[in-house]
Amino acid sequence: MTPQARKQMMKAAGVDKKNRHDLPKDANAALEILEKRKQRMEELNPEKREKAEEKDRWEKVLLKAEGEKVRDDPTRLKKMAKRQEREKKKSAKAW
């Protein structure tokens, strides 16, 4: 059974769990959320920060193994935001 088929089956059964690393489709909103997460991690003491970072890494690896897309790379999100702005300007100009 593929991960996507398993996910669809779980959704149909009503056992859909929320992905903690799921970000909005809007790149600017996703960047804001990532920035808040980064600030929150910096506020933690070193031991708790290391544990939290390790937990996040494992969760991301497991999500990727299940076939989920983890969009948390700031450089790629910035490029995506620029592209979305260009598309908005182009469509506004065409309209």
N, C-alpha and C. Protein backbone atom coordinates (compact mmCIF):
# COMPACT_ATOMS: atom_id res chain seq x y z
N MET A 1 0.85 -1.17 0.00
CA MET A 1 0.00 0.00 0.00
C MET A 1 0.90 1.24 0.00
N THR A 2 0.62 2.14 -0.90
CA THR A 2 1.42 3.36 -0.98
C THR A 2 1.04 4.31 0.15
N PRO A 3 1.95 5.22 0.49
CA PRO A 3 1.63 6.17 1.56
C PRO A 3 0.41 7.03 1.26
N GLN A 4 0.24 7.41 -0.01
CA GLN A 4 -0.91 8.22 -0.35
C GLN A 4 -2.21 7.44 -0.18
N ALA A 5 -2.21 6.16 -0.58
CA ALA A 5 -3.40 5.33 -0.43
C ALA A 5 -3.72 5.13 1.05
N ARG A 6 -2.67 4.94 1.85
CA ARG A 6 -2.86 4.76 3.29
C ARG A 6 -3.46 6.03 3.90
N LYS A 7 -2.97 7.19 3.47
CA LYS A 7 -3.46 8.45 3.99
C LYS A 7 -4.93 8.66 3.61
N GLN A 8 -5.29 8.34 2.37
CA GLN A 8 -6.67 8.48 1.93
C GLN A 8 -7.58 7.55 2.71
N MET A 9 -7.11 6.34 2.97
CA MET A 9 -7.90 5.38 3.73
C MET A 9 -8.12 5.88 5.16
N MET A 10 -7.08 6.47 5.77
CA MET A 10 -7.20 6.98 7.12
C MET A 10 -8.15 8.19 7.17
N LYS A 11 -8.10 9.04 6.13
CA LYS A 11 -9.01 10.18 6.07
C LYS A 11 -10.45 9.71 5.98
N ALA A 12 -10.68 8.68 5.15
CA ALA A 12 -12.03 8.16 4.98
C ALA A 12 -12.55 7.58 6.30
N ALA A 13 -11.65 7.01 7.08
CA ALA A 13 -12.05 6.42 8.35
C ALA A 13 -12.18 7.48 9.45
N GLY A 14 -11.73 8.70 9.17
CA GLY A 14 -11.84 9.77 10.16
C GLY A 14 -10.72 9.76 11.17
N VAL A 15 -9.60 9.14 10.84
CA VAL A 15 -8.47 9.06 11.75
C VAL A 15 -7.33 9.94 11.23
N ASP A 16 -7.67 11.13 10.75
CA ASP A 16 -6.69 12.03 10.18
C ASP A 16 -6.04 12.84 11.28
N LYS A 17 -4.71 12.68 11.45
CA LYS A 17 -4.03 13.46 12.48
C LYS A 17 -3.40 14.69 11.85
N LYS A 18 -3.33 15.77 12.61
CA LYS A 18 -2.82 17.05 12.13
C LYS A 18 -1.30 17.00 12.05
N ASN A 19 -0.77 17.45 10.93
CA ASN A 19 0.66 17.52 10.74
C ASN A 19 1.17 18.79 11.41
N ARG A 20 2.07 18.63 12.36
CA ARG A 20 2.60 19.76 13.11
C ARG A 20 3.48 20.66 12.25
N HIS A 21 4.05 20.10 11.20
CA HIS A 21 4.95 20.85 10.33
C HIS A 21 4.26 21.37 9.09
N ASP A 22 2.95 21.22 9.01
CA ASP A 22 2.22 21.68 7.85
C ASP A 22 2.15 23.21 7.86
N LEU A 23 2.52 23.82 6.74
CA LEU A 23 2.52 25.27 6.63
C LEU A 23 1.50 25.71 5.59
N PRO A 24 1.06 26.96 5.65
CA PRO A 24 0.10 27.44 4.65
C PRO A 24 0.71 27.48 3.26
N LYS A 25 -0.14 27.51 2.25
CA LYS A 25 0.32 27.56 0.86
C LYS A 25 0.97 28.90 0.54
N ASP A 26 0.54 29.96 1.23
CA ASP A 26 1.10 31.28 1.02
C ASP A 26 2.52 31.32 1.58
N ALA A 27 3.48 31.66 0.73
CA ALA A 27 4.88 31.63 1.12
C ALA A 27 5.20 32.66 2.20
N ASN A 28 4.60 33.84 2.12
CA ASN A 28 4.88 34.86 3.13
C ASN A 28 4.38 34.44 4.50
N ALA A 29 3.21 33.85 4.56
CA ALA A 29 2.67 33.37 5.83
C ALA A 29 3.53 32.24 6.38
N ALA A 30 4.00 31.36 5.50
CA ALA A 30 4.85 30.25 5.92
C ALA A 30 6.17 30.78 6.48
N LEU A 31 6.73 31.81 5.83
CA LEU A 31 7.97 32.40 6.33
C LEU A 31 7.78 33.02 7.72
N GLU A 32 6.65 33.66 7.94
CA GLU A 32 6.37 34.24 9.25
C GLU A 32 6.31 33.15 10.33
N ILE A 33 5.64 32.06 10.01
CA ILE A 33 5.52 30.96 10.98
C ILE A 33 6.89 30.37 11.27
N LEU A 34 7.71 30.18 10.23
CA LEU A 34 9.06 29.65 10.45
C LEU A 34 9.89 30.59 11.32
N GLU A 35 9.75 31.90 11.10
CA GLU A 35 10.49 32.87 11.89
C GLU A 35 10.06 32.80 13.36
N LYS A 36 8.76 32.66 13.62
CA LYS A 36 8.27 32.54 15.00
C LYS A 36 8.81 31.27 15.65
N ARG A 37 8.83 30.17 14.90
CA ARG A 37 9.37 28.91 15.44
C ARG A 37 10.85 29.08 15.80
N LYS A 38 11.58 29.76 14.92
CA LYS A 38 13.02 29.96 15.14
C LYS A 38 13.24 30.80 16.39
N GLN A 39 12.45 31.88 16.57
CA GLN A 39 12.58 32.72 17.75
C GLN A 39 12.24 31.94 19.02
N ARG A 40 11.21 31.12 18.94
CA ARG A 40 10.81 30.32 20.11
C ARG A 40 11.92 29.34 20.49
N MET A 41 12.59 28.77 19.49
CA MET A 41 13.68 27.83 19.77
C MET A 41 14.88 28.55 20.39
N GLU A 42 15.14 29.79 19.95
CA GLU A 42 16.26 30.54 20.50
C GLU A 42 16.03 30.91 21.96
N GLU A 43 14.79 31.04 22.37
CA GLU A 43 14.47 31.40 23.74
C GLU A 43 14.66 30.23 24.71
N LEU A 44 14.64 29.01 24.20
CA LEU A 44 14.79 27.84 25.07
C LEU A 44 16.23 27.70 25.55
N ASN A 45 16.39 27.02 26.69
CA ASN A 45 17.75 26.75 27.14
C ASN A 45 18.37 25.67 26.24
N PRO A 46 19.69 25.57 26.22
CA PRO A 46 20.37 24.68 25.26
C PRO A 46 19.91 23.22 25.30
N GLU A 47 19.65 22.68 26.49
CA GLU A 47 19.25 21.27 26.57
C GLU A 47 17.89 21.05 25.93
N LYS A 48 16.93 21.90 26.27
CA LYS A 48 15.58 21.76 25.70
C LYS A 48 15.60 22.04 24.20
N ARG A 49 16.41 22.99 23.78
CA ARG A 49 16.50 23.31 22.36
C ARG A 49 17.02 22.11 21.58
N GLU A 50 18.05 21.48 22.10
CA GLU A 50 18.62 20.31 21.41
C GLU A 50 17.59 19.18 21.30
N LYS A 51 16.85 18.94 22.38
CA LYS A 51 15.82 17.90 22.35
C LYS A 51 14.72 18.24 21.35
N ALA A 52 14.30 19.50 21.34
CA ALA A 52 13.24 19.92 20.43
C ALA A 52 13.70 19.84 18.97
N GLU A 53 14.95 20.24 18.70
CA GLU A 53 15.47 20.16 17.34
C GLU A 53 15.57 18.71 16.88
N GLU A 54 16.00 17.84 17.77
CA GLU A 54 16.10 16.42 17.43
C GLU A 54 14.72 15.84 17.14
N LYS A 55 13.74 16.20 17.95
CA LYS A 55 12.37 15.74 17.75
C LYS A 55 11.83 16.22 16.40
N ASP A 56 12.08 17.50 16.08
CA ASP A 56 11.63 18.06 14.80
C ASP A 56 12.27 17.34 13.63
N ARG A 57 13.58 17.07 13.74
CA ARG A 57 14.27 16.37 12.65
C ARG A 57 13.67 15.00 12.40
N TRP A 58 13.40 14.27 13.49
CA TRP A 58 12.82 12.93 13.33
C TRP A 58 11.42 13.01 12.74
N GLU A 59 10.62 13.97 13.20
CA GLU A 59 9.27 14.11 12.66
C GLU A 59 9.30 14.42 11.16
N LYS A 60 10.22 15.28 10.76
CA LYS A 60 10.35 15.62 9.34
C LYS A 60 10.78 14.42 8.52
N VAL A 61 11.72 13.65 9.04
CA VAL A 61 12.18 12.46 8.33
C VAL A 61 11.03 11.47 8.16
N LEU A 62 10.25 11.27 9.21
CA LEU A 62 9.12 10.34 9.14
C LEU A 62 8.06 10.84 8.16
N LEU A 63 7.80 12.14 8.16
CA LEU A 63 6.83 12.69 7.22
C LEU A 63 7.29 12.49 5.78
N LYS A 64 8.57 12.74 5.53
CA LYS A 64 9.10 12.54 4.18
C LYS A 64 9.01 11.08 3.78
N ALA A 65 9.25 10.18 4.73
CA ALA A 65 9.16 8.74 4.43
C ALA A 65 7.73 8.33 4.10
N GLU A 66 6.76 9.03 4.69
CA GLU A 66 5.34 8.73 4.41
C GLU A 66 4.88 9.36 3.11
N GLY A 67 5.72 10.20 2.49
CA GLY A 67 5.36 10.82 1.23
C GLY A 67 4.86 12.25 1.36
N GLU A 68 4.89 12.80 2.57
CA GLU A 68 4.47 14.18 2.79
C GLU A 68 5.56 15.12 2.28
N LYS A 69 5.15 16.31 1.89
CA LYS A 69 6.11 17.33 1.51
C LYS A 69 6.30 18.26 2.70
N VAL A 70 7.54 18.48 3.07
CA VAL A 70 7.86 19.37 4.18
C VAL A 70 8.49 20.61 3.58
N ARG A 71 7.71 21.69 3.55
CA ARG A 71 8.18 22.94 2.96
C ARG A 71 8.64 23.87 4.08
N ASP A 72 9.89 23.72 4.49
CA ASP A 72 10.39 24.55 5.58
C ASP A 72 11.74 25.18 5.26
N ASP A 73 12.12 25.21 4.00
CA ASP A 73 13.38 25.80 3.59
C ASP A 73 13.15 27.29 3.31
N PRO A 74 13.72 28.19 4.13
CA PRO A 74 13.46 29.62 3.97
C PRO A 74 13.87 30.18 2.60
N THR A 75 14.97 29.72 2.05
CA THR A 75 15.40 30.25 0.75
C THR A 75 14.41 29.89 -0.34
N ARG A 76 13.93 28.66 -0.33
CA ARG A 76 12.95 28.24 -1.34
C ARG A 76 11.62 28.96 -1.14
N LEU A 77 11.24 29.20 0.12
CA LEU A 77 10.00 29.92 0.38
C LEU A 77 10.10 31.38 -0.07
N LYS A 78 11.27 31.98 0.07
CA LYS A 78 11.45 33.35 -0.40
C LYS A 78 11.33 33.42 -1.93
N LYS A 79 11.92 32.44 -2.60
CA LYS A 79 11.79 32.38 -4.06
C LYS A 79 10.33 32.20 -4.46
N MET A 80 9.62 31.35 -3.72
CA MET A 80 8.22 31.11 -4.00
C MET A 80 7.40 32.39 -3.80
N ALA A 81 7.72 33.15 -2.76
CA ALA A 81 7.01 34.40 -2.48
C ALA A 81 7.24 35.40 -3.62
N LYS A 82 8.47 35.50 -4.11
CA LYS A 82 8.76 36.40 -5.22
C LYS A 82 7.99 35.98 -6.46
N ARG A 83 7.96 34.68 -6.71
CA ARG A 83 7.24 34.18 -7.89
C ARG A 83 5.75 34.47 -7.78
N GLN A 84 5.18 34.31 -6.58
CA GLN A 84 3.77 34.60 -6.38
C GLN A 84 3.48 36.08 -6.60
N GLU A 85 4.38 36.95 -6.16
CA GLU A 85 4.19 38.38 -6.37
C GLU A 85 4.25 38.73 -7.85
N ARG A 86 5.19 38.13 -8.58
CA ARG A 86 5.29 38.37 -10.02
C ARG A 86 4.02 37.92 -10.72
N GLU A 87 3.49 36.77 -10.32
CA GLU A 87 2.26 36.26 -10.94
C GLU A 87 1.08 37.19 -10.65
N LYS A 88 1.02 37.74 -9.44
CA LYS A 88 -0.06 38.67 -9.08
C LYS A 88 0.03 39.93 -9.94
N LYS A 89 1.25 40.46 -10.09
CA LYS A 89 1.43 41.67 -10.89
C LYS A 89 1.07 41.41 -12.35
N LYS A 90 1.47 40.25 -12.84
CA LYS A 90 1.19 39.91 -14.24
C LYS A 90 -0.30 39.77 -14.48
N SER A 91 -1.00 39.11 -13.56
CA SER A 91 -2.43 38.93 -13.73
C SER A 91 -3.18 40.25 -13.57
N ALA A 92 -2.70 41.11 -12.68
CA ALA A 92 -3.33 42.42 -12.51
C ALA A 92 -3.13 43.27 -13.75
N LYS A 93 -1.97 43.17 -14.33
CA LYS A 93 -1.67 43.93 -15.55
C LYS A 93 -2.52 43.41 -16.72
N ALA A 94 -2.68 42.11 -16.81
CA ALA A 94 -3.45 41.50 -17.89
C ALA A 94 -4.94 41.79 -17.72
N TRP A 95 -5.37 41.94 -16.51
CA TRP A 95 -6.79 42.15 -16.25
C TRP A 95 -7.14 43.58 -16.53
